[in-house]
Amino acid sequence: MHTSFRDRADAGRLLAGKLERYADRADVVVLALPRGGVPVADELARAPNAPIDAVAARESRELERRERVFRGDRPAPEVEGRTVLLVDDGIATGATMRAAVAALRQLGARRIVAAVPTAAPSSAATIRAEVDEFVAVITPPEFSSVGQWYDDFPQTSDDEVCAILTEARQRAAPQAAPDAQAHGRRTR
């Protein structure tokens, strides 16, 4: 059994291994809960070749501020009728994940998969009941905080999140252009 993660990228790679069935599916979008979920989701988005974005449940001004900072003028990703892999670096209480799940349900997501490296067992049970699928690398019985399961768990900065999302968009751009040209659309 896996007992800890080196860092969020290591956790994301291990989580990606549990989600291989979602690889290369056009109906899948990877959404990260800011901020710590973004480095985890970035590894996930590399594996299934899915678009990544940061989502914030509208539960506070700070989350709305983060969403504006991370997304900029780009519109929110279309989730209606799609499978959403909702990713965070872990779940302690589950409050943020639950709010995001509720928001995605309102937006018409077809299927919601909550995916985390680690979760408190009681919170995992709560979230599992609210989503279509729950995936965690570990749900250790002795859980006091998300950070206890990481060797390196610094706070993720807004600048780091923006850099990860910019790189992810650049990785996705070359793939999108040939498809658009094949359908007779012009790309800019």
Foldseek 3Di string as FASTA:
>chain_A
DQQFAAELLRLLLLLLVVVLVLAQDPQEAEEEEPDQFLSSSLNNCVRSVHAYAYDFQPPDPVSVVLNCLQQPPPDDDQQAAGEYAYTHQEEEQCPRVVSVLVVSVVSHHPFYEDTYQEYAVVNQVVVCVSGPYYYYVYHDPPDDDSVVRYSDYDHQDSVNSNVSNVVSVVVNVVVVQVVCVVVVHDDD
